[in-house]
């Protein structure tokens, strides 16, 4: 009977050890709240401290996965200041881009108005130059079929041998005039472009310039020295020193 009891007790002890091992293995698998199976195998440490550390690591990993990604911080336009170099390059690449970057939108009609005016003047003067140039060539040759100059004559006027030289001089002077105005329109457009670039750069530089509200003028007596006089009695004189703060 004692032998049978000892065998029964051994079997009971073995089953208890197997159940404990199964419980330890089951504790290494975690199921999240959204029914996603996270089979994270914990370290093979069956002690209470090891299981606690493994559970903490698993909880930290779950919190990391469930925490939403941080959103980007919005720019505070009240304290934002433009970069002068970036404003310069934008103005060089895109006409008016520096003014847009500096948020000086009221300058855009001035910049684009200047460009459109110069382009219109350039196109108009170039067209008139071509027309008068062709008229001058037609009146100068001896071909009777070329008479484009007639559209520039007043109503009822006719070019004859007596006034032909005078009209040739008129067409030549107008041709040269419109050519000069065309070239001038091109230079003015380049000047508008250069001014827009300079304005964008200077405006960005002055955006961080500290203009103090303390505008004051201080007047105080001062001793003015004259190093050219050797006599110390006459080398100094009294005067007034003016100091302006702005």
Protein backbone atom coordinates (compact mmCIF):
# COMPACT_ATOMS: atom_id res chain seq x y z
CA UNK A 1 0.00 0.00 0.00
CA UNK A 2 2.83 2.41 0.80
CA UNK A 3 4.32 1.80 -2.64
CA UNK A 4 1.00 2.57 -4.36
CA UNK A 5 0.61 5.77 -2.34
CA UNK A 6 4.11 6.90 -3.25
CA UNK A 7 3.40 6.30 -6.96
CA UNK A 8 0.11 8.23 -6.79
CA UNK A 9 1.82 11.18 -5.06
CA UNK A 10 4.54 11.20 -7.74
CA UNK A 11 1.95 11.25 -10.51
CA UNK A 12 0.09 14.13 -8.82
CA UNK A 13 3.34 16.09 -8.48
CA UNK A 14 4.22 15.53 -12.14
CA UNK A 15 0.83 16.69 -13.32
CA UNK A 16 1.08 19.84 -11.15
CA UNK A 17 4.51 20.65 -12.62
CA UNK A 18 3.21 20.17 -16.16
CA UNK A 19 0.20 22.43 -15.46
CA UNK A 20 2.50 25.10 -14.01
CA UNK A 21 4.77 24.95 -17.10
CA UNK A 22 1.76 25.20 -19.41
CA UNK A 23 0.53 28.28 -17.50
CA UNK A 24 3.99 29.87 -17.85
CA UNK A 25 4.05 29.26 -21.60
CA UNK A 26 0.49 30.57 -22.06
CA UNK A 27 1.44 33.77 -20.30
CA UNK A 28 3.90 34.56 -23.08
CA UNK A 29 1.09 35.17 -25.63
CA UNK A 30 -0.90 38.46 -25.55
CA UNK A 31 -4.05 39.32 -27.49
CA UNK A 32 -4.70 43.10 -28.05
CA UNK A 33 -8.07 44.83 -27.53
CA UNK A 34 -8.77 45.13 -31.26
CA UNK A 35 -8.72 41.29 -31.68
CA UNK A 36 -5.23 41.36 -33.29
CA UNK A 37 -3.13 38.46 -32.14
CA UNK A 38 0.29 39.70 -30.99
CA UNK A 39 2.21 36.52 -30.35
CA UNK A 40 5.22 38.01 -28.63
CA UNK A 41 7.46 35.38 -27.13
CA UNK A 42 8.76 36.55 -23.79
CA UNK A 43 12.29 35.75 -22.55
CA UNK A 44 12.72 32.28 -21.17
CA UNK A 45 12.76 33.48 -17.58
CA UNK A 46 10.13 31.66 -15.51
CA UNK A 47 10.78 33.58 -12.30
CA UNK A 48 8.24 36.12 -11.01
CA UNK A 49 10.62 39.05 -11.64
CA UNK A 50 11.30 37.87 -15.20
CA UNK A 51 7.60 37.52 -15.97
CA UNK A 52 6.92 41.01 -14.58
CA UNK A 53 9.69 42.55 -16.74
CA UNK A 54 8.41 40.73 -19.83
CA UNK A 55 4.83 41.89 -19.19
CA UNK A 56 6.02 45.49 -18.78
CA UNK A 57 7.93 45.29 -22.08
CA UNK A 58 4.87 43.91 -23.84
CA UNK A 59 2.64 46.66 -22.44
CA UNK A 60 5.14 49.31 -23.52
CA UNK A 61 5.22 47.87 -27.04
CA UNK A 62 1.43 47.87 -27.20
CA UNK A 63 1.30 51.50 -26.04
CA UNK A 64 3.83 52.46 -28.70
CA UNK A 65 1.77 50.78 -31.42
CA UNK A 66 -1.53 52.30 -30.27
CA UNK A 67 -0.18 55.85 -29.70
CA UNK A 68 -1.01 58.12 -32.70
CA UNK A 69 1.85 59.71 -34.61
CA UNK A 70 2.62 63.29 -33.52
CA UNK A 71 1.31 65.97 -35.86
CA UNK A 72 3.63 68.58 -37.36
CA UNK A 73 3.79 71.89 -35.55
CA UNK A 74 2.11 74.75 -37.36
CA UNK A 75 4.15 77.80 -38.23
CA UNK A 76 3.49 80.91 -36.16
CA UNK A 77 3.12 83.64 -38.76
CA UNK A 78 3.11 86.34 -36.07
CA UNK A 79 6.77 85.67 -35.22
CA UNK A 80 7.92 84.39 -38.64
CA UNK A 81 10.67 86.34 -40.41
CA UNK A 82 11.73 85.79 -44.05
CA UNK A 83 15.17 84.62 -45.08
CA UNK A 84 16.92 87.28 -47.23
CA UNK A 85 18.83 84.72 -49.33
CA UNK A 86 15.72 82.71 -50.10
CA UNK A 87 13.82 85.88 -50.99
CA UNK A 88 16.67 86.89 -53.32
CA UNK A 89 16.72 83.55 -55.17
CA UNK A 90 12.94 83.42 -55.50
CA UNK A 91 12.89 86.95 -56.93
CA UNK A 92 15.63 85.99 -59.40
CA UNK A 93 13.85 82.85 -60.61
CA UNK A 94 10.23 84.05 -60.52
CA UNK A 95 9.34 87.75 -61.05
CA UNK A 96 7.43 88.76 -57.95
CA UNK A 97 8.33 85.55 -56.12
CA UNK A 98 10.33 87.44 -53.51
CA UNK A 99 7.37 89.69 -52.73
CA UNK A 100 5.11 86.65 -52.35
CA UNK A 101 7.64 84.99 -50.04
CA UNK A 102 7.91 88.17 -47.93
CA UNK A 103 4.08 88.26 -47.77
CA UNK A 104 4.01 91.76 -49.30
CA UNK A 105 1.16 91.01 -51.68
CA UNK A 106 0.29 94.68 -52.21
CA UNK A 107 3.53 95.07 -54.21
CA UNK A 108 2.52 92.46 -56.79
CA UNK A 109 0.32 94.83 -58.86
CA UNK A 110 3.24 97.27 -59.04
CA UNK A 111 5.72 94.61 -60.14
CA UNK A 112 3.48 92.87 -62.66
CA UNK A 113 2.02 96.17 -63.84
CA UNK A 114 5.53 97.37 -64.62
CA UNK A 115 6.31 94.16 -66.53
CA UNK A 116 3.06 94.27 -68.51
CA UNK A 117 3.56 97.95 -69.37
CA UNK A 118 7.10 97.31 -70.58
CA UNK A 119 6.01 94.29 -72.63
CA UNK A 120 3.21 96.29 -74.25
CA UNK A 121 5.55 99.20 -75.05
CA UNK A 122 8.15 96.78 -76.42
CA UNK A 123 5.63 95.06 -78.68
CA UNK A 124 4.07 98.33 -79.91
CA UNK A 125 7.37 100.03 -80.68
CA UNK A 126 8.72 96.92 -82.39
CA UNK A 127 5.62 96.73 -84.63
CA UNK A 128 5.87 100.41 -85.57
CA UNK A 129 9.58 100.05 -86.21
CA UNK A 130 8.99 97.16 -88.62
CA UNK A 131 6.20 99.03 -90.42
CA UNK A 132 8.19 102.24 -90.93
CA UNK A 133 11.30 100.26 -91.82
CA UNK A 134 9.37 98.46 -94.56
CA UNK A 135 7.81 101.73 -95.72
CA UNK A 136 11.25 103.31 -95.96
CA UNK A 137 12.55 100.37 -97.99
CA UNK A 138 9.53 100.50 -100.32
CA UNK A 139 9.78 104.23 -100.97
CA UNK A 140 13.52 103.96 -101.56
CA UNK A 141 13.42 101.22 -104.21
CA UNK A 142 12.28 101.62 -107.81
CA UNK A 143 9.67 98.82 -107.76
CA UNK A 144 6.18 100.29 -108.31
CA UNK A 145 4.54 97.21 -106.81
CA UNK A 146 5.86 97.91 -103.31
CA UNK A 147 3.82 100.70 -101.81
CA UNK A 148 3.29 99.81 -98.12
CA UNK A 149 4.12 103.43 -97.26
CA UNK A 150 0.73 104.61 -98.57
CA UNK A 151 -1.02 103.57 -95.33
CA UNK A 152 0.97 106.24 -93.48
CA UNK A 153 -0.14 109.06 -95.80
CA UNK A 154 -2.92 111.43 -94.83
CA UNK A 155 -6.16 111.34 -96.76
CA UNK A 156 -5.71 112.84 -100.20
CA UNK A 157 -1.90 112.99 -100.04
CA UNK A 158 0.13 111.51 -102.87
CA UNK A 159 3.87 110.98 -103.06
CA UNK A 160 5.43 112.60 -106.11
CA UNK A 161 8.96 113.27 -107.24
CA UNK A 162 8.84 116.70 -105.59
CA UNK A 163 8.01 115.44 -102.07
CA UNK A 164 9.51 111.94 -102.23
CA UNK A 165 12.76 112.90 -100.51
CA UNK A 166 10.87 114.61 -97.70
CA UNK A 167 8.78 111.48 -97.03
CA UNK A 168 11.89 109.32 -97.16
CA UNK A 169 13.43 111.50 -94.45
CA UNK A 170 10.21 111.29 -92.38
CA UNK A 171 10.03 107.48 -92.62
CA UNK A 172 13.70 107.13 -91.76
CA UNK A 173 13.46 109.37 -88.69
CA UNK A 174 10.35 107.56 -87.43
CA UNK A 175 11.99 104.18 -88.04
CA UNK A 176 14.98 105.22 -85.96
CA UNK A 177 12.74 106.73 -83.27
CA UNK A 178 10.64 103.59 -82.76
CA UNK A 179 13.76 101.45 -82.74
CA UNK A 180 15.21 103.62 -79.99
CA UNK A 181 11.97 103.45 -78.01
CA UNK A 182 11.85 99.68 -78.46
CA UNK A 183 15.35 99.31 -77.05
CA UNK A 184 14.49 101.69 -74.23
CA UNK A 185 11.43 99.59 -73.34
CA UNK A 186 13.65 96.53 -73.08
CA UNK A 187 16.08 98.30 -70.74
CA UNK A 188 13.21 99.60 -68.61
CA UNK A 189 11.82 96.07 -68.27
CA UNK A 190 15.24 94.86 -67.12
CA UNK A 191 15.30 97.74 -64.63
CA UNK A 192 11.87 96.74 -63.26
CA UNK A 193 13.13 93.17 -62.85
CA UNK A 194 16.27 94.36 -61.04
CA UNK A 195 14.24 96.64 -58.75
CA UNK A 196 11.90 93.78 -57.83
CA UNK A 197 14.90 91.63 -56.87
CA UNK A 198 16.49 94.42 -54.81
CA UNK A 199 13.17 95.21 -53.13
CA UNK A 200 12.63 91.57 -52.13
CA UNK A 201 16.12 91.28 -50.63
CA UNK A 202 16.05 94.61 -48.78
CA UNK A 203 12.53 93.98 -47.50
CA UNK A 204 13.60 90.60 -46.08
CA UNK A 205 16.67 92.19 -44.46
CA UNK A 206 14.66 94.98 -42.85
CA UNK A 207 12.08 92.53 -41.48
CA UNK A 208 14.44 91.79 -38.57
CA UNK A 209 15.67 95.37 -38.19
CA UNK A 210 14.89 96.68 -34.71
CA UNK A 211 13.32 100.12 -34.93
CA UNK A 212 13.21 101.56 -31.44
CA UNK A 213 10.37 103.85 -30.41
CA UNK A 214 12.74 105.88 -28.25
CA UNK A 215 13.50 108.83 -30.54
CA UNK A 216 15.30 111.43 -28.47
CA UNK A 217 17.78 114.26 -28.91
CA UNK A 218 20.21 114.97 -26.10
CA UNK A 219 22.19 118.20 -25.94
CA UNK A 220 25.04 118.44 -23.47
CA UNK A 221 28.22 120.49 -23.06
CA UNK A 222 31.48 119.00 -24.26
CA UNK A 223 35.17 119.81 -24.29
CA UNK A 224 36.58 119.85 -27.82
CA UNK A 225 40.30 119.32 -28.21
CA UNK A 226 42.53 120.74 -30.93
CA UNK A 227 45.66 118.59 -31.41
CA UNK A 228 47.30 121.10 -33.76
CA UNK A 229 47.92 123.63 -30.94
CA UNK A 230 50.83 122.94 -28.60
CA UNK A 231 49.74 125.33 -25.87
CA UNK A 232 47.51 123.34 -23.46
CA UNK A 233 45.64 126.54 -22.49
CA UNK A 234 44.39 127.01 -26.04
CA UNK A 235 44.29 123.36 -27.13
CA UNK A 236 40.79 122.79 -25.69
CA UNK A 237 37.58 124.68 -26.12
CA UNK A 238 34.05 124.36 -24.87
CA UNK A 239 31.28 123.28 -27.18
CA UNK A 240 27.92 121.53 -27.44
CA UNK A 241 27.46 117.82 -28.12
CA UNK A 242 24.23 116.69 -29.78
CA UNK A 243 23.25 113.01 -29.53
CA UNK A 244 20.32 111.62 -31.50
CA UNK A 245 18.85 108.18 -30.71
CA UNK A 246 16.71 106.48 -33.35
